[in-house]
C-alpha atoms as a PDB file:
ATOM      1  CA  MET A   1     -11.444   4.846 -19.549  1.00  0.00           C
ATOM      2  CA  LEU A   2      -9.375   7.303 -17.715  1.00  0.00           C
ATOM      3  CA  SER A   3      -6.217   5.398 -17.780  1.00  0.00           C
ATOM      4  CA  THR A   4      -6.341   4.772 -21.460  1.00  0.00           C
ATOM      5  CA  ALA A   5      -7.056   8.441 -22.250  1.00  0.00           C
ATOM      6  CA  LEU A   6      -4.285   9.473 -19.810  1.00  0.00           C
ATOM      7  CA  ALA A   7      -1.691   6.867 -21.487  1.00  0.00           C
ATOM      8  CA  ALA A   8      -2.598   8.402 -25.027  1.00  0.00           C
ATOM      9  CA  ALA A   9      -2.176  12.137 -23.771  1.00  0.00           C
ATOM     10  CA  LEU A  10       1.130  11.195 -22.209  1.00  0.00           C
ATOM     11  CA  ALA A  11       2.350   9.321 -25.309  1.00  0.00           C
ATOM     12  CA  ARG A  12       1.709  12.423 -27.397  1.00  0.00           C
ATOM     13  CA  ARG A  13       4.203  14.231 -25.089  1.00  0.00           C
ATOM     14  CA  ASN A  14       6.648  11.211 -25.220  1.00  0.00           C
ATOM     15  CA  ILE A  15       6.081  10.260 -21.554  1.00  0.00           C
ATOM     16  CA  HIS A  16       5.606   6.631 -20.919  1.00  0.00           C
ATOM     17  CA  TYR A  17       2.647   5.610 -18.801  1.00  0.00           C
ATOM     18  CA  GLY A  18       5.142   3.631 -16.597  1.00  0.00           C
ATOM     19  CA  TRP A  19       5.854   6.701 -14.681  1.00  0.00           C
ATOM     20  CA  VAL A  20       2.166   6.882 -13.634  1.00  0.00           C
ATOM     21  CA  ILE A  21       2.351   3.393 -12.390  1.00  0.00           C
ATOM     22  CA  VAL A  22       5.532   4.516 -10.464  1.00  0.00           C
ATOM     23  CA  ALA A  23       3.595   7.361  -9.000  1.00  0.00           C
ATOM     24  CA  VAL A  24       0.611   5.252  -7.915  1.00  0.00           C
ATOM     25  CA  THR A  25       2.990   2.534  -6.337  1.00  0.00           C
ATOM     26  CA  PHE A  26       4.810   5.268  -4.449  1.00  0.00           C
ATOM     27  CA  LEU A  27       1.588   6.694  -3.130  1.00  0.00           C
ATOM     28  CA  THR A  28       0.470   3.200  -2.218  1.00  0.00           C
ATOM     29  CA  LEU A  29       3.821   2.468  -0.332  1.00  0.00           C
ATOM     30  CA  LEU A  30       3.822   5.812   1.170  1.00  0.00           C
ATOM     31  CA  VAL A  31       0.377   5.492   2.737  1.00  0.00           C
ATOM     32  CA  GLY A  32       1.065   1.811   3.712  1.00  0.00           C
ATOM     33  CA  ALA A  33       3.975   2.944   5.647  1.00  0.00           C
ATOM     34  CA  ALA A  34       1.965   5.717   7.452  1.00  0.00           C
ATOM     35  CA  ALA A  35      -0.552   2.833   8.266  1.00  0.00           C
ATOM     36  CA  MET A  36       2.099   0.576   9.401  1.00  0.00           C
ATOM     37  CA  GLY A  37       3.706   3.217  11.855  1.00  0.00           C
ATOM     38  CA  THR A  38       0.450   4.500  13.140  1.00  0.00           C
ATOM     39  CA  PRO A  39      -0.270   1.900  15.878  1.00  0.00           C
ATOM     40  CA  GLY A  40       3.156   2.738  17.407  1.00  0.00           C
ATOM     41  CA  VAL A  41       2.039   6.461  17.886  1.00  0.00           C
ATOM     42  CA  LEU A  42      -1.031   5.389  19.690  1.00  0.00           C
ATOM     43  CA  ILE A  43       0.460   3.238  22.587  1.00  0.00           C
ATOM     44  CA  VAL A  44       0.195   5.815  25.280  1.00  0.00           C
ATOM     45  CA  PRO A  45      -3.409   6.854  24.348  1.00  0.00           C
ATOM     46  CA  LEU A  46      -4.421   3.163  24.436  1.00  0.00           C
ATOM     47  CA  GLU A  47      -2.815   2.700  27.881  1.00  0.00           C
ATOM     48  CA  ARG A  48      -4.564   5.688  29.194  1.00  0.00           C
ATOM     49  CA  GLU A  49      -7.950   4.840  27.978  1.00  0.00           C
ATOM     50  CA  PHE A  50      -8.124   1.052  28.369  1.00  0.00           C
ATOM     51  CA  GLY A  51      -5.531   0.457  31.105  1.00  0.00           C
ATOM     52  CA  TRP A  52      -3.622  -2.035  29.039  1.00  0.00           C
ATOM     53  CA  ASP A  53       0.069  -2.303  29.663  1.00  0.00           C
ATOM     54  CA  ASN A  54       2.877  -1.712  27.281  1.00  0.00           C
ATOM     55  CA  ALA A  55       3.600  -5.387  26.812  1.00  0.00           C
ATOM     56  CA  GLN A  56       0.063  -6.213  25.867  1.00  0.00           C
ATOM     57  CA  ILE A  57      -0.039  -3.410  23.251  1.00  0.00           C
ATOM     58  CA  SER A  58       3.348  -4.312  21.861  1.00  0.00           C
ATOM     59  CA  SER A  59       2.512  -7.915  21.384  1.00  0.00           C
ATOM     60  CA  ALA A  60      -0.025  -6.715  18.743  1.00  0.00           C
ATOM     61  CA  LEU A  61       2.455  -4.464  17.034  1.00  0.00           C
ATOM     62  CA  ALA A  62       5.129  -7.337  17.141  1.00  0.00           C
ATOM     63  CA  LEU A  63       2.632  -9.595  15.313  1.00  0.00           C
ATOM     64  CA  ARG A  64       1.945  -7.076  12.762  1.00  0.00           C
ATOM     65  CA  ILE A  65       5.588  -6.632  11.914  1.00  0.00           C
ATOM     66  CA  LEU A  66       5.946 -10.514  11.870  1.00  0.00           C
ATOM     67  CA  LEU A  67       2.998 -10.972   9.295  1.00  0.00           C
ATOM     68  CA  TYR A  68       4.307  -7.930   7.312  1.00  0.00           C
ATOM     69  CA  GLY A  69       7.488  -9.834   6.680  1.00  0.00           C
ATOM     70  CA  LEU A  70       6.039 -13.256   6.364  1.00  0.00           C
ATOM     71  CA  PHE A  71       3.505 -12.230   3.644  1.00  0.00           C
ATOM     72  CA  GLY A  72       6.107 -10.967   1.160  1.00  0.00           C
ATOM     73  CA  PRO A  73       6.007 -14.339  -0.789  1.00  0.00           C
ATOM     74  CA  PHE A  74       2.330 -14.534  -0.583  1.00  0.00           C
ATOM     75  CA  ALA A  75       1.988 -10.984  -1.884  1.00  0.00           C
ATOM     76  CA  ALA A  76       4.163 -11.855  -4.992  1.00  0.00           C
ATOM     77  CA  ALA A  77       1.879 -15.056  -5.700  1.00  0.00           C
ATOM     78  CA  PHE A  78      -1.223 -13.000  -5.331  1.00  0.00           C
ATOM     79  CA  MET A  79      -0.004 -10.231  -7.734  1.00  0.00           C
ATOM     80  CA  ASN A  80       0.752 -12.975 -10.256  1.00  0.00           C
ATOM     81  CA  ARG A  81      -2.716 -14.509  -9.788  1.00  0.00           C
ATOM     82  CA  PHE A  82      -4.969 -11.530  -9.342  1.00  0.00           C
ATOM     83  CA  GLY A  83      -3.020  -8.600 -10.791  1.00  0.00           C
ATOM     84  CA  LEU A  84      -1.575  -5.453  -9.073  1.00  0.00           C
ATOM     85  CA  ARG A  85      -4.693  -3.461  -8.932  1.00  0.00           C
ATOM     86  CA  ARG A  86      -6.873  -6.006  -7.278  1.00  0.00           C
ATOM     87  CA  VAL A  87      -4.044  -6.719  -4.769  1.00  0.00           C
ATOM     88  CA  ILE A  88      -3.597  -3.085  -3.859  1.00  0.00           C
ATOM     89  CA  VAL A  89      -7.219  -2.263  -3.540  1.00  0.00           C
ATOM     90  CA  GLY A  90      -7.739  -5.357  -1.416  1.00  0.00           C
ATOM     91  CA  ALA A  91      -4.772  -4.558   0.862  1.00  0.00           C
ATOM     92  CA  MET A  92      -5.961  -0.830   1.301  1.00  0.00           C
ATOM     93  CA  ALA A  93      -9.482  -2.049   2.151  1.00  0.00           C
ATOM     94  CA  LEU A  94      -8.119  -4.745   4.667  1.00  0.00           C
ATOM     95  CA  ILE A  95      -6.040  -2.325   6.463  1.00  0.00           C
ATOM     96  CA  ALA A  96      -8.796   0.364   6.541  1.00  0.00           C
ATOM     97  CA  THR A  97     -11.103  -2.353   7.798  1.00  0.00           C
ATOM     98  CA  GLY A  98      -8.667  -3.163  10.530  1.00  0.00           C
ATOM     99  CA  LEU A  99      -8.262   0.329  11.747  1.00  0.00           C
ATOM    100  CA  LEU A 100     -11.834   1.319  11.519  1.00  0.00           C
ATOM    101  CA  SER A 101     -13.009  -1.831  13.379  1.00  0.00           C
ATOM    102  CA  SER A 102     -10.604  -0.977  16.092  1.00  0.00           C
ATOM    103  CA  LEU A 103     -12.688   2.233  16.914  1.00  0.00           C
ATOM    104  CA  MET A 104     -15.061  -0.118  18.683  1.00  0.00           C
ATOM    105  CA  MET A 105     -12.545  -2.346  20.417  1.00  0.00           C
ATOM    106  CA  THR A 106     -12.862  -2.923  24.169  1.00  0.00           C
ATOM    107  CA  GLN A 107     -10.513  -5.929  24.863  1.00  0.00           C
ATOM    108  CA  VAL A 108      -6.877  -6.542  24.241  1.00  0.00           C
ATOM    109  CA  TRP A 109      -7.435  -9.715  22.070  1.00  0.00           C
ATOM    110  CA  GLN A 110      -9.518  -7.411  19.662  1.00  0.00           C
ATOM    111  CA  LEU A 111      -6.442  -5.195  19.478  1.00  0.00           C
ATOM    112  CA  ILE A 112      -4.182  -8.134  18.567  1.00  0.00           C
ATOM    113  CA  LEU A 113      -6.609  -9.575  16.053  1.00  0.00           C
ATOM    114  CA  LEU A 114      -7.185  -6.160  14.242  1.00  0.00           C
ATOM    115  CA  TRP A 115      -3.893  -4.357  14.529  1.00  0.00           C
ATOM    116  CA  GLY A 116      -1.812  -7.526  14.647  1.00  0.00           C
ATOM    117  CA  VAL A 117      -3.432  -9.895  12.224  1.00  0.00           C
ATOM    118  CA  VAL A 118      -5.608  -7.817   9.960  1.00  0.00           C
ATOM    119  CA  VAL A 119      -3.242  -4.779   9.571  1.00  0.00           C
ATOM    120  CA  GLY A 120      -0.264  -7.060   9.416  1.00  0.00           C
ATOM    121  CA  VAL A 121      -1.652  -9.033   6.462  1.00  0.00           C
ATOM    122  CA  GLY A 122      -2.836  -5.979   4.689  1.00  0.00           C
ATOM    123  CA  THR A 123       0.401  -4.076   5.041  1.00  0.00           C
ATOM    124  CA  GLY A 124       2.304  -7.439   4.052  1.00  0.00           C
ATOM    125  CA  LEU A 125       0.493  -7.532   0.692  1.00  0.00           C
ATOM    126  CA  THR A 126       1.996  -4.119  -0.042  1.00  0.00           C
ATOM    127  CA  ALA A 127       5.564  -4.776   0.891  1.00  0.00           C
ATOM    128  CA  MET A 128       8.610  -4.023  -1.093  1.00  0.00           C
ATOM    129  CA  VAL A 129       7.792  -6.939  -3.434  1.00  0.00           C
ATOM    130  CA  LEU A 130       5.384  -4.507  -4.994  1.00  0.00           C
ATOM    131  CA  ALA A 131       8.075  -2.212  -5.972  1.00  0.00           C
ATOM    132  CA  ALA A 132      10.107  -5.068  -7.576  1.00  0.00           C
ATOM    133  CA  THR A 133       7.152  -6.298  -9.439  1.00  0.00           C
ATOM    134  CA  VAL A 134       6.282  -2.931 -10.915  1.00  0.00           C
ATOM    135  CA  ALA A 135       9.996  -2.331 -11.889  1.00  0.00           C
ATOM    136  CA  SER A 136      10.403  -5.728 -13.620  1.00  0.00           C
ATOM    137  CA  ARG A 137       7.013  -5.601 -15.385  1.00  0.00           C
ATOM    138  CA  TRP A 138       6.972  -1.946 -16.688  1.00  0.00           C
ATOM    139  CA  PHE A 139      10.703  -1.103 -17.077  1.00  0.00           C
ATOM    140  CA  ASN A 140      13.477  -2.468 -19.235  1.00  0.00           C
ATOM    141  CA  HIS A 141      15.756   0.564 -18.631  1.00  0.00           C
ATOM    142  CA  ARG A 142      16.058   2.468 -15.319  1.00  0.00           C
ATOM    143  CA  ARG A 143      14.705  -0.412 -13.083  1.00  0.00           C
ATOM    144  CA  GLY A 144      17.373   0.487 -10.494  1.00  0.00           C
ATOM    145  CA  VAL A 145      16.087   4.170 -10.459  1.00  0.00           C
ATOM    146  CA  VAL A 146      12.492   2.933 -10.065  1.00  0.00           C
ATOM    147  CA  ILE A 147      13.271   0.512  -7.177  1.00  0.00           C
ATOM    148  CA  GLY A 148      15.428   3.258  -5.468  1.00  0.00           C
ATOM    149  CA  MET A 149      12.516   5.776  -5.738  1.00  0.00           C
ATOM    150  CA  LEU A 150      10.065   3.347  -4.348  1.00  0.00           C
ATOM    151  CA  ALA A 151      12.457   2.195  -1.648  1.00  0.00           C
ATOM    152  CA  ALA A 152      12.411   5.723  -0.253  1.00  0.00           C
ATOM    153  CA  SER A 153       8.561   5.675  -0.022  1.00  0.00           C
ATOM    154  CA  ASN A 154       8.642   3.781   3.414  1.00  0.00           C
ATOM    155  CA  ALA A 155      10.870   6.166   5.121  1.00  0.00           C
ATOM    156  CA  THR A 156       9.104   9.152   3.539  1.00  0.00           C
ATOM    157  CA  GLY A 157       5.708   7.844   4.724  1.00  0.00           C
ATOM    158  CA  GLN A 158       6.702   7.753   8.228  1.00  0.00           C
ATOM    159  CA  LEU A 159       8.561  11.084   8.171  1.00  0.00           C
ATOM    160  CA  VAL A 160       5.627  12.860   6.484  1.00  0.00           C
ATOM    161  CA  PHE A 161       2.576  11.317   8.088  1.00  0.00           C
ATOM    162  CA  LEU A 162       3.654  10.227  11.574  1.00  0.00           C
ATOM    163  CA  PRO A 163       4.263  13.729  13.157  1.00  0.00           C
ATOM    164  CA  LEU A 164       0.739  14.643  11.617  1.00  0.00           C
ATOM    165  CA  ILE A 165      -0.801  11.544  13.055  1.00  0.00           C
ATOM    166  CA  ALA A 166       0.648  12.304  16.484  1.00  0.00           C
ATOM    167  CA  GLU A 167      -0.657  15.971  16.206  1.00  0.00           C
ATOM    168  CA  LEU A 168      -4.005  14.721  15.397  1.00  0.00           C
ATOM    169  CA  THR A 169      -3.901  12.357  18.245  1.00  0.00           C
ATOM    170  CA  THR A 170      -2.942  15.010  20.621  1.00  0.00           C
ATOM    171  CA  ARG A 171      -5.632  17.385  19.548  1.00  0.00           C
ATOM    172  CA  LEU A 172      -8.483  15.285  18.434  1.00  0.00           C
ATOM    173  CA  GLY A 173      -7.762  11.772  19.844  1.00  0.00           C
ATOM    174  CA  TRP A 174      -6.692   8.390  18.684  1.00  0.00           C
ATOM    175  CA  ARG A 175      -9.906   7.741  16.943  1.00  0.00           C
ATOM    176  CA  ALA A 176      -9.581  10.818  14.772  1.00  0.00           C
ATOM    177  CA  ALA A 177      -6.112   9.779  13.830  1.00  0.00           C
ATOM    178  CA  LEU A 178      -7.350   6.337  12.678  1.00  0.00           C
ATOM    179  CA  ILE A 179     -10.205   7.838  10.628  1.00  0.00           C
ATOM    180  CA  PHE A 180      -7.748  10.109   8.846  1.00  0.00           C
ATOM    181  CA  VAL A 181      -5.504   7.052   8.048  1.00  0.00           C
ATOM    182  CA  ALA A 182      -8.501   5.096   6.866  1.00  0.00           C
ATOM    183  CA  GLY A 183      -9.362   8.102   4.668  1.00  0.00           C
ATOM    184  CA  MET A 184      -5.985   8.079   3.049  1.00  0.00           C
ATOM    185  CA  LEU A 185      -6.085   4.383   2.561  1.00  0.00           C
ATOM    186  CA  ALA A 186      -9.491   4.866   0.682  1.00  0.00           C
ATOM    187  CA  PHE A 187      -8.065   7.558  -1.535  1.00  0.00           C
ATOM    188  CA  VAL A 188      -5.218   5.290  -2.655  1.00  0.00           C
ATOM    189  CA  ALA A 189      -7.686   2.389  -3.285  1.00  0.00           C
ATOM    190  CA  LEU A 190      -9.585   4.860  -5.638  1.00  0.00           C
ATOM    191  CA  VAL A 191      -6.444   5.993  -7.342  1.00  0.00           C
ATOM    192  CA  ALA A 192      -5.216   2.503  -7.828  1.00  0.00           C
ATOM    193  CA  SER A 193      -8.661   1.409  -9.153  1.00  0.00           C
ATOM    194  CA  LEU A 194      -8.532   4.101 -11.836  1.00  0.00           C
ATOM    195  CA  LEU A 195      -4.968   4.286 -12.815  1.00  0.00           C
ATOM    196  CA  MET A 196      -3.091   0.938 -12.016  1.00  0.00           C
ATOM    197  CA  HIS A 197      -2.637  -1.720 -14.685  1.00  0.00           C
ATOM    198  CA  ASP A 198      -0.901  -5.070 -14.494  1.00  0.00           C
ATOM    199  CA  ARG A 199       1.548  -4.786 -17.612  1.00  0.00           C
ATOM    200  CA  PRO A 200       2.164  -2.270 -20.320  1.00  0.00           C
ATOM    201  CA  SER A 201       0.546  -4.684 -22.754  1.00  0.00           C
ATOM    202  CA  ASP A 202      -2.899  -3.714 -21.151  1.00  0.00           C
ATOM    203  CA  LEU A 203      -2.523  -0.422 -22.785  1.00  0.00           C
ATOM    204  CA  ASN A 204      -0.852  -1.748 -25.938  1.00  0.00           C
ATOM    205  CA  LEU A 205       2.546  -0.248 -24.736  1.00  0.00           C
ATOM    206  CA  PRO A 206       5.986  -1.621 -24.751  1.00  0.00           C
ATOM    207  CA  LEU A 207       8.129  -1.754 -21.563  1.00  0.00           C
ATOM    208  CA  TYR A 208       9.815   1.548 -20.806  1.00  0.00           C
ATOM    209  CA  GLY A 209      13.072   1.408 -22.906  1.00  0.00           C
ATOM    210  CA  GLU A 210      11.817  -1.024 -25.626  1.00  0.00           C
ATOM    211  CA  ARG A 211      10.169  -0.245 -28.986  1.00  0.00           C
ATOM    212  CA  SER A 212       8.126  -3.426 -29.558  1.00  0.00           C
ATOM    213  CA  ARG A 213       5.159  -4.485 -27.188  1.00  0.00           C
ATOM    214  CA  ARG A 214       5.500  -7.833 -25.341  1.00  0.00           C
ATOM    215  CA  GLY A 215       2.456 -10.133 -24.993  1.00  0.00           C
ATOM    216  CA  ARG A 216       1.086 -11.177 -21.600  1.00  0.00           C
ATOM    217  CA  PRO A 217       2.645 -14.214 -20.098  1.00  0.00           C
ATOM    218  CA  LYS A 218       0.377 -17.161 -20.060  1.00  0.00           C
ATOM    219  CA  GLY A 219      -1.512 -17.874 -16.775  1.00  0.00           C
ATOM    220  CA  SER A 220      -1.113 -14.136 -15.496  1.00  0.00           C
ATOM    221  CA  ALA A 221      -4.268 -12.257 -14.472  1.00  0.00           C
ATOM    222  CA  SER A 222      -6.018  -9.882 -16.676  1.00  0.00           C
ATOM    223  CA  SER A 223      -6.330  -6.172 -15.607  1.00  0.00           C
ATOM    224  CA  PRO A 224      -9.447  -4.377 -16.973  1.00  0.00           C
ATOM    225  CA  CYS A 225      -9.293  -0.714 -17.925  1.00  0.00           C
END
Protein backbone atom coordinates (compact mmCIF):
# COMPACT_ATOMS: atom_id res chain seq x y z
CA MET A 1 0.00 0.00 0.00
CA LEU A 2 1.00 3.64 -0.42
CA SER A 3 1.74 4.23 3.25
CA THR A 4 3.94 1.13 3.49
CA ALA A 5 5.94 2.11 0.41
CA LEU A 6 6.27 5.68 1.65
CA ALA A 7 7.42 4.54 5.10
CA ALA A 8 10.10 2.34 3.49
CA ALA A 9 11.26 5.15 1.22
CA LEU A 10 11.50 7.58 4.13
CA ALA A 11 13.34 5.05 6.28
CA ARG A 12 16.05 4.79 3.62
CA ARG A 13 16.53 8.53 4.05
CA ASN A 14 16.50 8.22 7.85
CA ILE A 15 13.14 10.03 8.13
CA HIS A 16 10.56 8.59 10.50
CA TYR A 17 7.00 8.06 9.20
CA GLY A 18 5.75 9.83 12.30
CA TRP A 19 6.37 13.13 10.55
CA VAL A 20 3.94 12.09 7.81
CA ILE A 21 1.38 11.44 10.55
CA VAL A 22 2.08 14.91 11.94
CA ALA A 23 1.57 16.44 8.48
CA VAL A 24 -1.74 14.62 7.99
CA THR A 25 -2.88 15.63 11.47
CA PHE A 26 -1.88 19.25 10.85
CA LEU A 27 -3.86 19.25 7.60
CA THR A 28 -6.86 17.73 9.39
CA LEU A 29 -6.83 20.32 12.16
CA LEU A 30 -6.15 23.11 9.65
CA VAL A 31 -9.19 22.31 7.52
CA GLY A 32 -11.26 21.51 10.60
CA ALA A 33 -10.52 25.00 11.91
CA ALA A 34 -11.58 26.48 8.57
CA ALA A 35 -14.85 24.53 8.69
CA MET A 36 -15.35 25.59 12.30
CA GLY A 37 -14.97 29.26 11.44
CA THR A 38 -16.88 29.27 8.14
CA PRO A 39 -20.41 29.71 9.59
CA GLY A 40 -19.31 32.90 11.32
CA VAL A 41 -18.40 34.41 7.94
CA LEU A 42 -21.85 33.65 6.56
CA ILE A 43 -24.03 35.38 9.14
CA VAL A 44 -24.74 38.45 7.03
CA PRO A 45 -25.54 36.52 3.79
CA LEU A 46 -27.99 34.33 5.72
CA GLU A 47 -29.65 37.36 7.27
CA ARG A 48 -30.12 38.88 3.83
CA GLU A 49 -31.44 35.75 2.12
CA PHE A 50 -33.67 34.23 4.79
CA GLY A 51 -34.49 37.19 7.01
CA TRP A 52 -33.23 35.42 10.13
CA ASP A 53 -32.00 37.74 12.85
CA ASN A 54 -28.53 37.65 14.33
CA ALA A 55 -29.69 35.97 17.54
CA GLN A 56 -31.21 33.00 15.68
CA ILE A 57 -28.08 32.41 13.63
CA SER A 58 -25.80 32.92 16.60
CA SER A 59 -27.70 30.27 18.57
CA ALA A 60 -26.61 27.67 16.02
CA LEU A 61 -23.02 28.88 16.21
CA ALA A 62 -23.09 28.83 20.02
CA LEU A 63 -24.38 25.24 20.00
CA ARG A 64 -21.61 24.29 17.59
CA ILE A 65 -18.95 25.70 19.93
CA LEU A 66 -20.55 23.96 22.92
CA LEU A 67 -20.54 20.56 21.22
CA TYR A 68 -17.02 21.14 19.94
CA GLY A 69 -15.84 21.40 23.53
CA LEU A 70 -18.04 18.68 24.97
CA PHE A 71 -17.03 16.05 22.44
CA GLY A 72 -13.33 16.11 23.37
CA PRO A 73 -13.56 13.19 25.84
CA PHE A 74 -15.77 11.23 23.44
CA ALA A 75 -13.26 11.83 20.64
CA ALA A 76 -10.51 10.24 22.74
CA ALA A 77 -12.71 7.20 23.41
CA PHE A 78 -13.60 6.87 19.72
CA MET A 79 -9.92 7.07 18.74
CA ASN A 80 -9.07 4.29 21.17
CA ARG A 81 -11.97 2.17 19.97
CA PHE A 82 -11.95 2.74 16.20
CA GLY A 83 -8.52 4.16 15.43
CA LEU A 84 -7.32 7.54 14.19
CA ARG A 85 -8.05 6.94 10.52
CA ARG A 86 -11.69 6.00 10.97
CA VAL A 87 -12.35 8.89 13.35
CA ILE A 88 -10.76 11.46 11.03
CA VAL A 89 -12.55 10.19 7.93
CA GLY A 90 -15.85 9.95 9.83
CA ALA A 91 -15.45 13.47 11.22
CA MET A 92 -14.66 14.96 7.81
CA ALA A 93 -17.67 13.16 6.30
CA LEU A 94 -19.93 14.39 9.10
CA ILE A 95 -18.85 18.02 8.74
CA ALA A 96 -19.15 17.90 4.95
CA THR A 97 -22.61 16.36 5.24
CA GLY A 98 -23.74 19.12 7.56
CA LEU A 99 -22.42 21.87 5.30
CA LEU A 100 -23.69 20.41 2.04
CA SER A 101 -27.12 19.63 3.50
CA SER A 102 -27.43 23.26 4.55
CA LEU A 103 -27.42 24.26 0.88
CA MET A 104 -31.08 23.21 0.83
CA MET A 105 -32.18 24.58 4.22
CA THR A 106 -35.14 26.94 4.43
CA GLN A 107 -35.92 27.01 8.16
CA VAL A 108 -33.88 28.20 11.12
CA TRP A 109 -34.26 24.86 12.94
CA GLN A 110 -32.44 23.24 10.02
CA LEU A 111 -29.59 25.71 10.52
CA ILE A 112 -29.41 24.80 14.21
CA LEU A 113 -29.48 21.08 13.46
CA LEU A 114 -26.90 21.16 10.65
CA TRP A 115 -24.49 23.90 11.74
CA GLY A 116 -25.06 23.49 15.46
CA VAL A 117 -25.34 19.75 16.02
CA VAL A 118 -23.84 18.02 12.96
CA VAL A 119 -20.93 20.40 12.38
CA GLY A 120 -20.39 20.78 16.13
CA VAL A 121 -20.06 17.04 16.67
CA GLY A 122 -17.88 16.62 13.58
CA THR A 123 -15.42 19.35 14.56
CA GLY A 124 -15.43 18.09 18.14
CA LEU A 125 -14.13 14.73 16.94
CA THR A 126 -11.02 16.47 15.59
CA ALA A 127 -10.40 18.71 18.58
CA MET A 128 -6.93 19.08 20.13
CA VAL A 129 -7.21 15.63 21.69
CA LEU A 130 -6.19 14.40 18.24
CA ALA A 131 -2.88 16.25 18.51
CA ALA A 132 -2.18 14.84 21.97
CA THR A 133 -3.05 11.32 20.82
CA VAL A 134 -0.75 11.49 17.80
CA ALA A 135 2.11 12.91 19.86
CA SER A 136 1.83 10.26 22.56
CA ARG A 137 1.42 7.31 20.18
CA TRP A 138 4.07 8.19 17.63
CA PHE A 139 6.75 10.15 19.49
CA ASN A 140 8.96 9.39 22.45
CA HIS A 141 11.14 12.44 21.82
CA ARG A 142 10.02 15.87 20.61
CA ARG A 143 6.44 15.44 21.78
CA GLY A 144 6.37 19.06 22.89
CA VAL A 145 7.49 20.20 19.45
CA VAL A 146 4.79 18.10 17.80
CA ILE A 147 2.03 19.36 20.09
CA GLY A 148 3.21 22.94 19.56
CA MET A 149 3.15 22.53 15.78
CA LEU A 150 -0.33 21.01 15.85
CA ALA A 151 -1.63 23.63 18.28
CA ALA A 152 -0.75 26.28 15.69
CA SER A 153 -3.01 24.63 13.12
CA ASN A 154 -6.20 26.15 14.52
CA ALA A 155 -5.09 29.76 14.21
CA THR A 156 -3.36 29.02 10.91
CA GLY A 157 -6.49 27.47 9.42
CA GLN A 158 -8.60 30.49 10.24
CA LEU A 159 -5.89 32.94 9.17
CA VAL A 160 -5.39 31.25 5.79
CA PHE A 161 -8.88 30.13 4.83
CA LEU A 162 -11.38 32.56 6.37
CA PRO A 163 -10.34 35.53 4.18
CA LEU A 164 -10.54 33.23 1.15
CA ILE A 165 -13.98 31.97 2.20
CA ALA A 166 -15.14 35.54 2.77
CA GLU A 167 -13.95 36.48 -0.71
CA LEU A 168 -15.73 33.49 -2.27
CA THR A 169 -18.90 34.44 -0.42
CA THR A 170 -18.71 38.00 -1.70
CA ARG A 171 -18.05 37.01 -5.31
CA LEU A 172 -19.95 33.74 -5.75
CA GLY A 173 -22.32 33.48 -2.80
CA TRP A 174 -22.36 31.55 0.47
CA ARG A 175 -23.30 28.26 -1.22
CA ALA A 176 -20.14 28.31 -3.33
CA ALA A 177 -18.11 28.92 -0.17
CA LEU A 178 -19.66 25.89 1.52
CA ILE A 179 -18.99 23.70 -1.51
CA PHE A 180 -15.35 24.82 -1.43
CA VAL A 181 -15.03 23.90 2.26
CA ALA A 182 -16.72 20.54 1.64
CA GLY A 183 -14.19 19.88 -1.12
CA MET A 184 -11.34 20.55 1.28
CA LEU A 185 -12.89 18.18 3.81
CA ALA A 186 -13.16 15.46 1.16
CA PHE A 187 -9.50 15.97 0.28
CA VAL A 188 -8.47 15.58 3.92
CA ALA A 189 -10.55 12.40 4.23
CA LEU A 190 -8.82 10.97 1.16
CA VAL A 191 -5.33 11.82 2.46
CA ALA A 192 -6.12 10.37 5.88
CA SER A 193 -7.51 7.17 4.40
CA LEU A 194 -4.29 6.68 2.41
CA LEU A 195 -1.64 7.78 4.90
CA MET A 196 -2.95 7.79 8.47
CA HIS A 197 -2.10 4.92 10.80
CA ASP A 198 -2.97 4.31 14.42
CA ARG A 199 0.46 3.43 15.79
CA PRO A 200 4.05 2.91 14.54
CA SER A 201 3.63 -0.84 15.07
CA ASP A 202 1.15 -0.85 12.17
CA LEU A 203 4.15 -0.27 9.91
CA ASN A 204 6.62 -2.28 11.99
CA LEU A 205 8.27 0.89 13.21
CA PRO A 206 9.38 2.02 16.68
CA LEU A 207 8.22 5.28 18.19
CA TYR A 208 10.23 8.28 17.08
CA GLY A 209 13.26 8.38 19.37
CA GLU A 210 13.25 4.65 20.20
CA ARG A 211 15.14 1.73 18.70
CA SER A 212 12.82 -1.18 19.44
CA ARG A 213 9.25 -1.58 18.25
CA ARG A 214 6.46 -1.66 20.80
CA GLY A 215 3.54 -4.05 20.43
CA ARG A 216 -0.06 -2.89 20.12
CA PRO A 217 -1.81 -2.48 23.48
CA LYS A 218 -4.59 -4.97 24.11
CA GLY A 219 -8.08 -3.79 23.21
CA SER A 220 -6.98 -1.09 20.76
CA ALA A 221 -8.42 -0.88 17.27
CA SER A 222 -6.49 -2.16 14.31
CA SER A 223 -5.63 0.19 11.47
CA PRO A 224 -5.38 -1.52 8.07
CA CYS A 225 -2.83 -0.42 5.47
